[in-house]
Protein backbone atom coordinates (compact mmCIF):
# COMPACT_ATOMS: atom_id res chain seq x y z
CA MET A 1 63.23 94.61 150.13
CA MET A 2 65.57 93.71 152.67
CA VAL A 3 64.63 96.41 155.34
CA ALA A 4 61.06 95.46 155.43
CA ARG A 5 62.26 91.61 155.68
CA ALA A 6 64.98 92.65 158.68
CA HIS A 7 62.25 94.47 160.48
CA ALA A 8 59.65 91.26 159.94
CA LEU A 9 62.14 89.14 161.20
CA GLY A 10 62.34 90.88 164.34
CA MET A 11 65.78 92.35 163.80
CA ALA A 12 66.84 95.81 165.89
CA GLY A 13 68.24 97.41 162.06
CA VAL A 14 70.30 96.52 159.15
CA GLY A 15 73.44 98.17 157.53
CA MET A 16 73.50 98.63 153.77
CA ALA A 17 76.65 98.89 151.51
CA ASP A 18 76.65 99.26 148.22
CA ARG A 19 79.39 98.41 145.65
CA ASN A 20 81.34 101.79 145.05
CA THR A 21 77.83 103.77 145.16
CA VAL A 22 75.10 104.51 147.87
CA ALA A 23 72.37 103.87 144.81
CA GLY A 24 70.28 101.54 146.77
CA VAL A 25 70.12 104.00 149.59
CA VAL A 26 67.19 105.34 148.52
CA ARG A 27 65.21 102.55 148.00
CA ALA A 28 66.28 101.39 151.82
CA HIS A 29 65.60 104.86 152.80
CA ARG A 30 61.88 104.92 151.60
CA ALA A 31 61.25 101.25 153.20
CA TRP A 32 62.72 102.49 156.56
CA ARG A 33 60.35 105.67 156.67
CA GLU A 34 57.54 103.39 155.63
CA ILE A 35 57.71 101.10 158.95
CA GLY A 36 58.10 104.23 161.10
CA GLY A 37 61.71 106.01 160.36
CA PRO A 38 63.23 107.19 163.18
CA GLY A 39 60.77 106.41 165.71
CA GLY A 40 59.65 103.20 164.87
CA GLY A 41 62.50 101.61 166.72
CA PHE A 42 64.61 99.95 163.72
CA ARG A 43 68.15 101.32 162.75
CA LEU A 44 69.38 102.24 159.45
CA ILE A 45 72.94 102.16 158.88
CA VAL A 46 74.02 103.76 155.45
CA GLY A 47 77.80 102.85 153.88
CA ALA A 48 79.73 102.09 150.88
CA ARG A 49 81.78 98.94 149.89
CA LEU A 50 84.83 100.34 147.83
CA VAL A 51 86.21 98.25 145.22
CA PHE A 52 89.64 99.13 143.87
CA ALA A 53 90.86 98.35 140.40
CA ASP A 54 94.47 97.67 141.31
CA GLY A 55 93.77 95.12 143.49
CA THR A 56 93.44 96.71 146.91
CA PRO A 57 91.42 94.80 149.57
CA ASP A 58 87.86 95.90 149.67
CA VAL A 59 86.76 98.50 152.29
CA VAL A 60 83.54 98.52 153.92
CA ALA A 61 83.04 102.30 155.23
CA TYR A 62 80.23 103.45 157.27
CA PRO A 63 80.83 106.95 158.21
CA MET A 64 79.74 107.75 161.49
CA THR A 65 78.43 111.45 161.20
CA ARG A 66 76.86 113.38 158.29
CA ARG A 67 80.15 115.27 157.95
CA GLY A 68 81.50 112.01 157.41
CA TRP A 69 80.21 111.69 153.88
CA ASP A 70 81.70 115.29 152.68
CA GLY A 71 84.48 114.41 150.45
């Protein structure tokens, strides 16, 4: 898993951005909790890569607050 590997490499955190979904966040969050969660000193940043069917360039969105996820 990317979270565990990044932590093992000594990284301070990792950002996860699935394509048009946040489905992978569940596994990433579980792995993050296993290495200590909020008190573990490793940061998990969650976002989504938005891919459009009309050729619009992709956008990677990392909401800054819980309210940023409200749709």
